[in-house]
Amino acid sequence: GKPVLVMRETTERPEGVTAGTAKLVGTDVDTIVSEIFTLLDDNTAYAA
């Protein structure tokens, strides 16, 4: 039950992205930080 942020441009495991358990964030600094902060600060986004 732990959200996964994937620091890659592609994944060979798209099932997780489709199901909502994982999200591709690449290696852009701003994107990684923004997505982490969203999960830390938005309970609804985290629970999803």
ModelCIF file with pLDDT and N, C-alpha, C, O atoms, coordinates in Angstrom:
data_MODEL
#
_entry.id   MODEL 
#
_entity.id                         1 
_entity.type                       polymer 
_entity.pdbx_number_of_molecules   1 
#
_entity_poly.entity_id                      1 
_entity_poly.type                           'polypeptide(L)' 
_entity_poly.nstd_linkage                   no 
_entity_poly.nstd_monomer                   no 
_entity_poly.pdbx_seq_one_letter_code       GKPVLVMRETTERPEGVTAGTAKLVGTDVDTIVSEIFTLLDDNTAYAA 
_entity_poly.pdbx_seq_one_letter_code_can   GKPVLVMRETTERPEGVTAGTAKLVGTDVDTIVSEIFTLLDDNTAYAA 
_entity_poly.pdbx_strand_id                 A 
#
loop_
_entity_poly_seq.entity_id 
_entity_poly_seq.num 
_entity_poly_seq.mon_id 
_entity_poly_seq.hetero 
1 1  GLY n 
1 2  LYS n 
1 3  PRO n 
1 4  VAL n 
1 5  LEU n 
1 6  VAL n 
1 7  MET n 
1 8  ARG n 
1 9  GLU n 
1 10 THR n 
1 11 THR n 
1 12 GLU n 
1 13 ARG n 
1 14 PRO n 
1 15 GLU n 
1 16 GLY n 
1 17 VAL n 
1 18 THR n 
1 19 ALA n 
1 20 GLY n 
1 21 THR n 
1 22 ALA n 
1 23 LYS n 
1 24 LEU n 
1 25 VAL n 
1 26 GLY n 
1 27 THR n 
1 28 ASP n 
1 29 VAL n 
1 30 ASP n 
1 31 THR n 
1 32 ILE n 
1 33 VAL n 
1 34 SER n 
1 35 GLU n 
1 36 ILE n 
1 37 PHE n 
1 38 THR n 
1 39 LEU n 
1 40 LEU n 
1 41 ASP n 
1 42 ASP n 
1 43 ASN n 
1 44 THR n 
1 45 ALA n 
1 46 TYR n 
1 47 ALA n 
1 48 ALA n 
#
_struct_asym.id          A 
_struct_asym.entity_id   1 
#
loop_
_ma_qa_metric.id 
_ma_qa_metric.mode 
_ma_qa_metric.name 
_ma_qa_metric.software_group_id 
_ma_qa_metric.type 
1 global pLDDT . pLDDT 
2 local  pLDDT . pLDDT 
#
_ma_qa_metric_global.metric_id      1 
_ma_qa_metric_global.metric_value   94.19 
_ma_qa_metric_global.model_id       1 
_ma_qa_metric_global.ordinal_id     1 
#
loop_
_ma_qa_metric_local.label_asym_id 
_ma_qa_metric_local.label_comp_id 
_ma_qa_metric_local.label_seq_id 
_ma_qa_metric_local.metric_id 
_ma_qa_metric_local.metric_value 
_ma_qa_metric_local.model_id 
_ma_qa_metric_local.ordinal_id 
A GLY 1  2 92.00 1 1  
A LYS 2  2 95.00 1 2  
A PRO 3  2 97.00 1 3  
A VAL 4  2 97.00 1 4  
A LEU 5  2 97.00 1 5  
A VAL 6  2 96.00 1 6  
A MET 7  2 94.00 1 7  
A ARG 8  2 90.00 1 8  
A GLU 9  2 85.00 1 9  
A THR 10 2 85.00 1 10 
A THR 11 2 84.00 1 11 
A GLU 12 2 82.00 1 12 
A ARG 13 2 86.00 1 13 
A PRO 14 2 88.00 1 14 
A GLU 15 2 89.00 1 15 
A GLY 16 2 91.00 1 16 
A VAL 17 2 93.00 1 17 
A THR 18 2 92.00 1 18 
A ALA 19 2 92.00 1 19 
A GLY 20 2 94.00 1 20 
A THR 21 2 94.00 1 21 
A ALA 22 2 95.00 1 22 
A LYS 23 2 96.00 1 23 
A LEU 24 2 95.00 1 24 
A VAL 25 2 96.00 1 25 
A GLY 26 2 93.00 1 26 
A THR 27 2 92.00 1 27 
A ASP 28 2 94.00 1 28 
A VAL 29 2 96.00 1 29 
A ASP 30 2 97.00 1 30 
A THR 31 2 97.00 1 31 
A ILE 32 2 97.00 1 32 
A VAL 33 2 98.00 1 33 
A SER 34 2 98.00 1 34 
A GLU 35 2 98.00 1 35 
A ILE 36 2 98.00 1 36 
A PHE 37 2 98.00 1 37 
A THR 38 2 98.00 1 38 
A LEU 39 2 98.00 1 39 
A LEU 40 2 98.00 1 40 
A ASP 41 2 97.00 1 41 
A ASP 42 2 98.00 1 42 
A ASN 43 2 97.00 1 43 
A THR 44 2 97.00 1 44 
A ALA 45 2 97.00 1 45 
A TYR 46 2 97.00 1 46 
A ALA 47 2 97.00 1 47 
A ALA 48 2 96.00 1 48 
#
loop_
_atom_site.group_PDB 
_atom_site.id 
_atom_site.type_symbol 
_atom_site.label_atom_id 
_atom_site.label_alt_id 
_atom_site.label_comp_id 
_atom_site.label_asym_id 
_atom_site.label_entity_id 
_atom_site.label_seq_id 
_atom_site.pdbx_PDB_ins_code 
_atom_site.Cartn_x 
_atom_site.Cartn_y 
_atom_site.Cartn_z 
_atom_site.occupancy 
_atom_site.B_iso_or_equiv 
_atom_site.pdbx_formal_charge 
_atom_site.auth_seq_id 
_atom_site.auth_comp_id 
_atom_site.auth_asym_id 
_atom_site.auth_atom_id 
_atom_site.pdbx_PDB_model_num 
ATOM 1   N N  . GLY A 1 1  ? 0.793  -1.232 0.000   1.00 92.00 ? 1  GLY A N  1 
ATOM 2   C CA . GLY A 1 1  ? 0.000  0.000  0.000   1.00 92.00 ? 1  GLY A CA 1 
ATOM 3   C C  . GLY A 1 1  ? 0.822  1.277  0.000   1.00 92.00 ? 1  GLY A C  1 
ATOM 4   O O  . GLY A 1 1  ? 0.378  2.298  0.526   1.00 92.00 ? 1  GLY A O  1 
ATOM 5   N N  . LYS A 1 2  ? 2.033  1.236  -0.591  1.00 95.00 ? 2  LYS A N  1 
ATOM 6   C CA . LYS A 1 2  ? 2.897  2.404  -0.589  1.00 95.00 ? 2  LYS A CA 1 
ATOM 7   C C  . LYS A 1 2  ? 2.987  3.008  -1.987  1.00 95.00 ? 2  LYS A C  1 
ATOM 8   O O  . LYS A 1 2  ? 3.346  2.299  -2.927  1.00 95.00 ? 2  LYS A O  1 
ATOM 9   N N  . PRO A 1 3  ? 2.672  4.305  -2.159  1.00 97.00 ? 3  PRO A N  1 
ATOM 10  C CA . PRO A 1 3  ? 2.801  4.956  -3.463  1.00 97.00 ? 3  PRO A CA 1 
ATOM 11  C C  . PRO A 1 3  ? 4.248  4.932  -3.957  1.00 97.00 ? 3  PRO A C  1 
ATOM 12  O O  . PRO A 1 3  ? 5.187  5.020  -3.166  1.00 97.00 ? 3  PRO A O  1 
ATOM 13  N N  . VAL A 1 4  ? 4.414  4.809  -5.283  1.00 97.00 ? 4  VAL A N  1 
ATOM 14  C CA . VAL A 1 4  ? 5.736  4.752  -5.887  1.00 97.00 ? 4  VAL A CA 1 
ATOM 15  C C  . VAL A 1 4  ? 5.866  5.853  -6.925  1.00 97.00 ? 4  VAL A C  1 
ATOM 16  O O  . VAL A 1 4  ? 5.054  5.941  -7.846  1.00 97.00 ? 4  VAL A O  1 
ATOM 17  N N  . LEU A 1 5  ? 6.881  6.690  -6.783  1.00 97.00 ? 5  LEU A N  1 
ATOM 18  C CA . LEU A 1 5  ? 7.235  7.659  -7.810  1.00 97.00 ? 5  LEU A CA 1 
ATOM 19  C C  . LEU A 1 5  ? 8.474  7.138  -8.528  1.00 97.00 ? 5  LEU A C  1 
ATOM 20  O O  . LEU A 1 5  ? 9.502  6.875  -7.904  1.00 97.00 ? 5  LEU A O  1 
ATOM 21  N N  . VAL A 1 6  ? 8.363  6.991  -9.855  1.00 96.00 ? 6  VAL A N  1 
ATOM 22  C CA . VAL A 1 6  ? 9.372  6.305  -10.647 1.00 96.00 ? 6  VAL A CA 1 
ATOM 23  C C  . VAL A 1 6  ? 10.201 7.336  -11.408 1.00 96.00 ? 6  VAL A C  1 
ATOM 24  O O  . VAL A 1 6  ? 9.682  8.048  -12.268 1.00 96.00 ? 6  VAL A O  1 
ATOM 25  N N  . MET A 1 7  ? 11.484 7.410  -11.087 1.00 94.00 ? 7  MET A N  1 
ATOM 26  C CA . MET A 1 7  ? 12.373 8.413  -11.673 1.00 94.00 ? 7  MET A CA 1 
ATOM 27  C C  . MET A 1 7  ? 12.968 7.892  -12.977 1.00 94.00 ? 7  MET A C  1 
ATOM 28  O O  . MET A 1 7  ? 14.179 7.718  -13.109 1.00 94.00 ? 7  MET A O  1 
ATOM 29  N N  . ARG A 1 8  ? 12.080 7.651  -13.932 1.00 90.00 ? 8  ARG A N  1 
ATOM 30  C CA . ARG A 1 8  ? 12.455 7.191  -15.261 1.00 90.00 ? 8  ARG A CA 1 
ATOM 31  C C  . ARG A 1 8  ? 11.506 7.809  -16.260 1.00 90.00 ? 8  ARG A C  1 
ATOM 32  O O  . ARG A 1 8  ? 10.422 8.270  -15.903 1.00 90.00 ? 8  ARG A O  1 
ATOM 33  N N  . GLU A 1 9  ? 11.921 7.817  -17.522 1.00 85.00 ? 9  GLU A N  1 
ATOM 34  C CA . GLU A 1 9  ? 11.074 8.381  -18.573 1.00 85.00 ? 9  GLU A CA 1 
ATOM 35  C C  . GLU A 1 9  ? 10.056 7.373  -19.090 1.00 85.00 ? 9  GLU A C  1 
ATOM 36  O O  . GLU A 1 9  ? 8.995  7.751  -19.586 1.00 85.00 ? 9  GLU A O  1 
ATOM 37  N N  . THR A 1 10 ? 10.387 6.078  -18.970 1.00 85.00 ? 10 THR A N  1 
ATOM 38  C CA . THR A 1 10 ? 9.501  5.010  -19.415 1.00 85.00 ? 10 THR A CA 1 
ATOM 39  C C  . THR A 1 10 ? 9.505  3.916  -18.359 1.00 85.00 ? 10 THR A C  1 
ATOM 40  O O  . THR A 1 10 ? 10.388 3.869  -17.502 1.00 85.00 ? 10 THR A O  1 
ATOM 41  N N  . THR A 1 11 ? 8.518  3.046  -18.427 1.00 84.00 ? 11 THR A N  1 
ATOM 42  C CA . THR A 1 11 ? 8.517  1.878  -17.560 1.00 84.00 ? 11 THR A CA 1 
ATOM 43  C C  . THR A 1 11 ? 8.004  0.677  -18.344 1.00 84.00 ? 11 THR A C  1 
ATOM 44  O O  . THR A 1 11 ? 7.079  0.783  -19.149 1.00 84.00 ? 11 THR A O  1 
ATOM 45  N N  . GLU A 1 12 ? 8.632  -0.470 -18.088 1.00 82.00 ? 12 GLU A N  1 
ATOM 46  C CA . GLU A 1 12 ? 8.168  -1.710 -18.660 1.00 82.00 ? 12 GLU A CA 1 
ATOM 47  C C  . GLU A 1 12 ? 7.079  -2.339 -17.791 1.00 82.00 ? 12 GLU A C  1 
ATOM 48  O O  . GLU A 1 12 ? 6.636  -3.458 -18.052 1.00 82.00 ? 12 GLU A O  1 
ATOM 49  N N  . ARG A 1 13 ? 6.657  -1.623 -16.771 1.00 86.00 ? 13 ARG A N  1 
ATOM 50  C CA . ARG A 1 13 ? 5.593  -2.064 -15.873 1.00 86.00 ? 13 ARG A CA 1 
ATOM 51  C C  . ARG A 1 13 ? 4.456  -1.031 -15.887 1.00 86.00 ? 13 ARG A C  1 
ATOM 52  O O  . ARG A 1 13 ? 4.158  -0.425 -14.857 1.00 86.00 ? 13 ARG A O  1 
ATOM 53  N N  . PRO A 1 14 ? 3.828  -0.832 -17.040 1.00 88.00 ? 14 PRO A N  1 
ATOM 54  C CA . PRO A 1 14 ? 2.788  0.204  -17.127 1.00 88.00 ? 14 PRO A CA 1 
ATOM 55  C C  . PRO A 1 14 ? 1.551  -0.125 -16.319 1.00 88.00 ? 14 PRO A C  1 
ATOM 56  O O  . PRO A 1 14 ? 0.717  0.746  -16.073 1.00 88.00 ? 14 PRO A O  1 
ATOM 57  N N  . GLU A 1 15 ? 1.424  -1.396 -15.898 1.00 89.00 ? 15 GLU A N  1 
ATOM 58  C CA . GLU A 1 15 ? 0.240  -1.780 -15.128 1.00 89.00 ? 15 GLU A CA 1 
ATOM 59  C C  . GLU A 1 15 ? 0.101  -0.957 -13.854 1.00 89.00 ? 15 GLU A C  1 
ATOM 60  O O  . GLU A 1 15 ? -1.003 -0.584 -13.458 1.00 89.00 ? 15 GLU A O  1 
ATOM 61  N N  . GLY A 1 16 ? 1.246  -0.679 -13.215 1.00 91.00 ? 16 GLY A N  1 
ATOM 62  C CA . GLY A 1 16 ? 1.200  0.104  -11.989 1.00 91.00 ? 16 GLY A CA 1 
ATOM 63  C C  . GLY A 1 16 ? 0.740  1.524  -12.230 1.00 91.00 ? 16 GLY A C  1 
ATOM 64  O O  . GLY A 1 16 ? -0.023 2.082  -11.442 1.00 91.00 ? 16 GLY A O  1 
ATOM 65  N N  . VAL A 1 17 ? 1.211  2.115  -13.332 1.00 93.00 ? 17 VAL A N  1 
ATOM 66  C CA . VAL A 1 17 ? 0.784  3.476  -13.680 1.00 93.00 ? 17 VAL A CA 1 
ATOM 67  C C  . VAL A 1 17 ? -0.708 3.481  -13.992 1.00 93.00 ? 17 VAL A C  1 
ATOM 68  O O  . VAL A 1 17 ? -1.436 4.368  -13.547 1.00 93.00 ? 17 VAL A O  1 
ATOM 69  N N  . THR A 1 18 ? -1.162 2.490  -14.758 1.00 92.00 ? 18 THR A N  1 
ATOM 70  C CA . THR A 1 18 ? -2.583 2.407  -15.105 1.00 92.00 ? 18 THR A CA 1 
ATOM 71  C C  . THR A 1 18 ? -3.442 2.210  -13.867 1.00 92.00 ? 18 THR A C  1 
ATOM 72  O O  . THR A 1 18 ? -4.500 2.825  -13.731 1.00 92.00 ? 18 THR A O  1 
ATOM 73  N N  . ALA A 1 19 ? -2.978 1.338  -12.955 1.00 92.00 ? 19 ALA A N  1 
ATOM 74  C CA . ALA A 1 19 ? -3.749 1.068  -11.742 1.00 92.00 ? 19 ALA A CA 1 
ATOM 75  C C  . ALA A 1 19 ? -3.714 2.232  -10.762 1.00 92.00 ? 19 ALA A C  1 
ATOM 76  O O  . ALA A 1 19 ? -4.580 2.343  -9.893  1.00 92.00 ? 19 ALA A O  1 
ATOM 77  N N  . GLY A 1 20 ? -2.705 3.110  -10.900 1.00 94.00 ? 20 GLY A N  1 
ATOM 78  C CA . GLY A 1 20 ? -2.588 4.246  -9.993  1.00 94.00 ? 20 GLY A CA 1 
ATOM 79  C C  . GLY A 1 20 ? -1.676 4.013  -8.815  1.00 94.00 ? 20 GLY A C  1 
ATOM 80  O O  . GLY A 1 20 ? -1.600 4.855  -7.920  1.00 94.00 ? 20 GLY A O  1 
ATOM 81  N N  . THR A 1 21 ? -0.969 2.876  -8.788  1.00 94.00 ? 21 THR A N  1 
ATOM 82  C CA . THR A 1 21 ? -0.039 2.615  -7.690  1.00 94.00 ? 21 THR A CA 1 
ATOM 83  C C  . THR A 1 21 ? 1.304  3.293  -7.901  1.00 94.00 ? 21 THR A C  1 
ATOM 84  O O  . THR A 1 21 ? 2.052  3.500  -6.945  1.00 94.00 ? 21 THR A O  1 
ATOM 85  N N  . ALA A 1 22 ? 1.618  3.643  -9.154  1.00 95.00 ? 22 ALA A N  1 
ATOM 86  C CA . ALA A 1 22 ? 2.906  4.248  -9.490  1.00 95.00 ? 22 ALA A CA 1 
ATOM 87  C C  . ALA A 1 22 ? 2.694  5.423  -10.430 1.00 95.00 ? 22 ALA A C  1 
ATOM 88  O O  . ALA A 1 22 ? 1.688  5.501  -11.135 1.00 95.00 ? 22 ALA A O  1 
ATOM 89  N N  . LYS A 1 23 ? 3.665  6.339  -10.430 1.00 96.00 ? 23 LYS A N  1 
ATOM 90  C CA . LYS A 1 23 ? 3.610  7.489  -11.336 1.00 96.00 ? 23 LYS A CA 1 
ATOM 91  C C  . LYS A 1 23 ? 5.011  7.754  -11.858 1.00 96.00 ? 23 LYS A C  1 
ATOM 92  O O  . LYS A 1 23 ? 5.973  7.793  -11.091 1.00 96.00 ? 23 LYS A O  1 
ATOM 93  N N  . LEU A 1 24 ? 5.123  7.936  -13.177 1.00 95.00 ? 24 LEU A N  1 
ATOM 94  C CA . LEU A 1 24 ? 6.395  8.299  -13.791 1.00 95.00 ? 24 LEU A CA 1 
ATOM 95  C C  . LEU A 1 24 ? 6.674  9.782  -13.559 1.00 95.00 ? 24 LEU A C  1 
ATOM 96  O O  . LEU A 1 24 ? 5.846  10.634 -13.880 1.00 95.00 ? 24 LEU A O  1 
ATOM 97  N N  . VAL A 1 25 ? 7.842  10.082 -13.001 1.00 96.00 ? 25 VAL A N  1 
ATOM 98  C CA . VAL A 1 25 ? 8.194  11.481 -12.747 1.00 96.00 ? 25 VAL A CA 1 
ATOM 99  C C  . VAL A 1 25 ? 9.494  11.881 -13.430 1.00 96.00 ? 25 VAL A C  1 
ATOM 100 O O  . VAL A 1 25 ? 9.885  13.047 -13.361 1.00 96.00 ? 25 VAL A O  1 
ATOM 101 N N  . GLY A 1 26 ? 10.184 10.931 -14.099 1.00 93.00 ? 26 GLY A N  1 
ATOM 102 C CA . GLY A 1 26 ? 11.424 11.260 -14.779 1.00 93.00 ? 26 GLY A CA 1 
ATOM 103 C C  . GLY A 1 26 ? 12.506 11.699 -13.814 1.00 93.00 ? 26 GLY A C  1 
ATOM 104 O O  . GLY A 1 26 ? 12.468 11.360 -12.631 1.00 93.00 ? 26 GLY A O  1 
ATOM 105 N N  . THR A 1 27 ? 13.474 12.453 -14.320 1.00 92.00 ? 27 THR A N  1 
ATOM 106 C CA . THR A 1 27 ? 14.575 12.932 -13.473 1.00 92.00 ? 27 THR A CA 1 
ATOM 107 C C  . THR A 1 27 ? 14.655 14.451 -13.444 1.00 92.00 ? 27 THR A C  1 
ATOM 108 O O  . THR A 1 27 ? 15.690 15.013 -13.087 1.00 92.00 ? 27 THR A O  1 
ATOM 109 N N  . ASP A 1 28 ? 13.567 15.117 -13.818 1.00 94.00 ? 28 ASP A N  1 
ATOM 110 C CA . ASP A 1 28 ? 13.522 16.570 -13.687 1.00 94.00 ? 28 ASP A CA 1 
ATOM 111 C C  . ASP A 1 28 ? 13.365 16.934 -12.216 1.00 94.00 ? 28 ASP A C  1 
ATOM 112 O O  . ASP A 1 28 ? 12.473 16.424 -11.538 1.00 94.00 ? 28 ASP A O  1 
ATOM 113 N N  . VAL A 1 29 ? 14.233 17.818 -11.720 1.00 96.00 ? 29 VAL A N  1 
ATOM 114 C CA . VAL A 1 29 ? 14.260 18.122 -10.293 1.00 96.00 ? 29 VAL A CA 1 
ATOM 115 C C  . VAL A 1 29 ? 12.919 18.685 -9.828  1.00 96.00 ? 29 VAL A C  1 
ATOM 116 O O  . VAL A 1 29 ? 12.363 18.219 -8.833  1.00 96.00 ? 29 VAL A O  1 
ATOM 117 N N  . ASP A 1 30 ? 12.406 19.667 -10.530 1.00 97.00 ? 30 ASP A N  1 
ATOM 118 C CA . ASP A 1 30 ? 11.168 20.308 -10.108 1.00 97.00 ? 30 ASP A CA 1 
ATOM 119 C C  . ASP A 1 30 ? 9.999  19.331 -10.080 1.00 97.00 ? 30 ASP A C  1 
ATOM 120 O O  . ASP A 1 30 ? 9.152  19.388 -9.188  1.00 97.00 ? 30 ASP A O  1 
ATOM 121 N N  . THR A 1 31 ? 9.959  18.435 -11.063 1.00 97.00 ? 31 THR A N  1 
ATOM 122 C CA . THR A 1 31 ? 8.860  17.467 -11.124 1.00 97.00 ? 31 THR A CA 1 
ATOM 123 C C  . THR A 1 31 ? 8.930  16.502 -9.948  1.00 97.00 ? 31 THR A C  1 
ATOM 124 O O  . THR A 1 31 ? 7.913  16.228 -9.312  1.00 97.00 ? 31 THR A O  1 
ATOM 125 N N  . ILE A 1 32 ? 10.116 15.984 -9.654  1.00 97.00 ? 32 ILE A N  1 
ATOM 126 C CA . ILE A 1 32 ? 10.252 15.057 -8.526  1.00 97.00 ? 32 ILE A CA 1 
ATOM 127 C C  . ILE A 1 32 ? 9.812  15.721 -7.229  1.00 97.00 ? 32 ILE A C  1 
ATOM 128 O O  . ILE A 1 32 ? 9.033  15.154 -6.462  1.00 97.00 ? 32 ILE A O  1 
ATOM 129 N N  . VAL A 1 33 ? 10.311 16.911 -6.994  1.00 98.00 ? 33 VAL A N  1 
ATOM 130 C CA . VAL A 1 33 ? 9.995  17.614 -5.747  1.00 98.00 ? 33 VAL A CA 1 
ATOM 131 C C  . VAL A 1 33 ? 8.501  17.912 -5.669  1.00 98.00 ? 33 VAL A C  1 
ATOM 132 O O  . VAL A 1 33 ? 7.883  17.709 -4.624  1.00 98.00 ? 33 VAL A O  1 
ATOM 133 N N  . SER A 1 34 ? 7.921  18.387 -6.759  1.00 98.00 ? 34 SER A N  1 
ATOM 134 C CA . SER A 1 34 ? 6.500  18.725 -6.765  1.00 98.00 ? 34 SER A CA 1 
ATOM 135 C C  . SER A 1 34 ? 5.629  17.506 -6.483  1.00 98.00 ? 34 SER A C  1 
ATOM 136 O O  . SER A 1 34 ? 4.671  17.584 -5.714  1.00 98.00 ? 34 SER A O  1 
ATOM 137 N N  . GLU A 1 35 ? 5.965  16.383 -7.107  1.00 98.00 ? 35 GLU A N  1 
ATOM 138 C CA . GLU A 1 35 ? 5.139  15.178 -6.912  1.00 98.00 ? 35 GLU A CA 1 
ATOM 139 C C  . GLU A 1 35 ? 5.273  14.631 -5.495  1.00 98.00 ? 35 GLU A C  1 
ATOM 140 O O  . GLU A 1 35 ? 4.294  14.159 -4.917  1.00 98.00 ? 35 GLU A O  1 
ATOM 141 N N  . ILE A 1 36 ? 6.472  14.692 -4.936  1.00 98.00 ? 36 ILE A N  1 
ATOM 142 C CA . ILE A 1 36 ? 6.644  14.263 -3.539  1.00 98.00 ? 36 ILE A CA 1 
ATOM 143 C C  . ILE A 1 36 ? 5.832  15.153 -2.610  1.00 98.00 ? 36 ILE A C  1 
ATOM 144 O O  . ILE A 1 36 ? 5.133  14.663 -1.723  1.00 98.00 ? 36 ILE A O  1 
ATOM 145 N N  . PHE A 1 37 ? 5.928  16.465 -2.816  1.00 98.00 ? 37 PHE A N  1 
ATOM 146 C CA . PHE A 1 37 ? 5.200  17.387 -1.938  1.00 98.00 ? 37 PHE A CA 1 
ATOM 147 C C  . PHE A 1 37 ? 3.692  17.191 -2.052  1.00 98.00 ? 37 PHE A C  1 
ATOM 148 O O  . PHE A 1 37 ? 2.971  17.323 -1.063  1.00 98.00 ? 37 PHE A O  1 
ATOM 149 N N  . THR A 1 38 ? 3.216  16.879 -3.249  1.00 98.00 ? 38 THR A N  1 
ATOM 150 C CA . THR A 1 38 ? 1.787  16.620 -3.408  1.00 98.00 ? 38 THR A CA 1 
ATOM 151 C C  . THR A 1 38 ? 1.350  15.438 -2.544  1.00 98.00 ? 38 THR A C  1 
ATOM 152 O O  . THR A 1 38 ? 0.330  15.506 -1.859  1.00 98.00 ? 38 THR A O  1 
ATOM 153 N N  . LEU A 1 39 ? 2.122  14.365 -2.581  1.00 98.00 ? 39 LEU A N  1 
ATOM 154 C CA . LEU A 1 39 ? 1.767  13.200 -1.780  1.00 98.00 ? 39 LEU A CA 1 
ATOM 155 C C  . LEU A 1 39 ? 1.896  13.472 -0.279  1.00 98.00 ? 39 LEU A C  1 
ATOM 156 O O  . LEU A 1 39 ? 1.129  12.934 0.520   1.00 98.00 ? 39 LEU A O  1 
ATOM 157 N N  . LEU A 1 40 ? 2.849  14.292 0.093   1.00 98.00 ? 40 LEU A N  1 
ATOM 158 C CA . LEU A 1 40 ? 3.022  14.620 1.506   1.00 98.00 ? 40 LEU A CA 1 
ATOM 159 C C  . LEU A 1 40 ? 1.906  15.524 2.027   1.00 98.00 ? 40 LEU A C  1 
ATOM 160 O O  . LEU A 1 40 ? 1.510  15.425 3.188   1.00 98.00 ? 40 LEU A O  1 
ATOM 161 N N  . ASP A 1 41 ? 1.403  16.403 1.166   1.00 97.00 ? 41 ASP A N  1 
ATOM 162 C CA . ASP A 1 41 ? 0.492  17.460 1.628   1.00 97.00 ? 41 ASP A CA 1 
ATOM 163 C C  . ASP A 1 41 ? -0.970 17.258 1.248   1.00 97.00 ? 41 ASP A C  1 
ATOM 164 O O  . ASP A 1 41 ? -1.845 17.924 1.801   1.00 97.00 ? 41 ASP A O  1 
ATOM 165 N N  . ASP A 1 42 ? -1.248 16.355 0.320   1.00 98.00 ? 42 ASP A N  1 
ATOM 166 C CA . ASP A 1 42 ? -2.615 16.153 -0.163  1.00 98.00 ? 42 ASP A CA 1 
ATOM 167 C C  . ASP A 1 42 ? -3.057 14.733 0.202   1.00 98.00 ? 42 ASP A C  1 
ATOM 168 O O  . ASP A 1 42 ? -2.688 13.762 -0.458  1.00 98.00 ? 42 ASP A O  1 
ATOM 169 N N  . ASN A 1 43 ? -3.849 14.637 1.258   1.00 97.00 ? 43 ASN A N  1 
ATOM 170 C CA . ASN A 1 43 ? -4.258 13.317 1.735   1.00 97.00 ? 43 ASN A CA 1 
ATOM 171 C C  . ASN A 1 43 ? -5.063 12.543 0.698   1.00 97.00 ? 43 ASN A C  1 
ATOM 172 O O  . ASN A 1 43 ? -4.964 11.319 0.613   1.00 97.00 ? 43 ASN A O  1 
ATOM 173 N N  . THR A 1 44 ? -5.851 13.255 -0.082  1.00 97.00 ? 44 THR A N  1 
ATOM 174 C CA . THR A 1 44 ? -6.664 12.591 -1.102  1.00 97.00 ? 44 THR A CA 1 
ATOM 175 C C  . THR A 1 44 ? -5.780 11.984 -2.187  1.00 97.00 ? 44 THR A C  1 
ATOM 176 O O  . THR A 1 44 ? -6.004 10.853 -2.617  1.00 97.00 ? 44 THR A O  1 
ATOM 177 N N  . ALA A 1 45 ? -4.773 12.741 -2.629  1.00 97.00 ? 45 ALA A N  1 
ATOM 178 C CA . ALA A 1 45 ? -3.851 12.237 -3.643  1.00 97.00 ? 45 ALA A CA 1 
ATOM 179 C C  . ALA A 1 45 ? -3.081 11.032 -3.114  1.00 97.00 ? 45 ALA A C  1 
ATOM 180 O O  . ALA A 1 45 ? -2.862 10.058 -3.834  1.00 97.00 ? 45 ALA A O  1 
ATOM 181 N N  . TYR A 1 46 ? -2.675 11.107 -1.859  1.00 97.00 ? 46 TYR A N  1 
ATOM 182 C CA . TYR A 1 46 ? -1.949 9.983  -1.269  1.00 97.00 ? 46 TYR A CA 1 
ATOM 183 C C  . TYR A 1 46 ? -2.830 8.738  -1.190  1.00 97.00 ? 46 TYR A C  1 
ATOM 184 O O  . TYR A 1 46 ? -2.413 7.646  -1.575  1.00 97.00 ? 46 TYR A O  1 
ATOM 185 N N  . ALA A 1 47 ? -4.038 8.913  -0.692  1.00 97.00 ? 47 ALA A N  1 
ATOM 186 C CA . ALA A 1 47 ? -4.931 7.767  -0.521  1.00 97.00 ? 47 ALA A CA 1 
ATOM 187 C C  . ALA A 1 47 ? -5.265 7.113  -1.854  1.00 97.00 ? 47 ALA A C  1 
ATOM 188 O O  . ALA A 1 47 ? -5.426 5.894  -1.927  1.00 97.00 ? 47 ALA A O  1 
ATOM 189 N N  . ALA A 1 48 ? -5.368 7.917  -2.908  1.00 96.00 ? 48 ALA A N  1 
ATOM 190 C CA . ALA A 1 48 ? -5.703 7.362  -4.219  1.00 96.00 ? 48 ALA A CA 1 
ATOM 191 C C  . ALA A 1 48 ? -4.632 6.383  -4.697  1.00 96.00 ? 48 ALA A C  1 
ATOM 192 O O  . ALA A 1 48 ? -4.752 5.820  -5.785  1.00 96.00 ? 48 ALA A O  1 
#
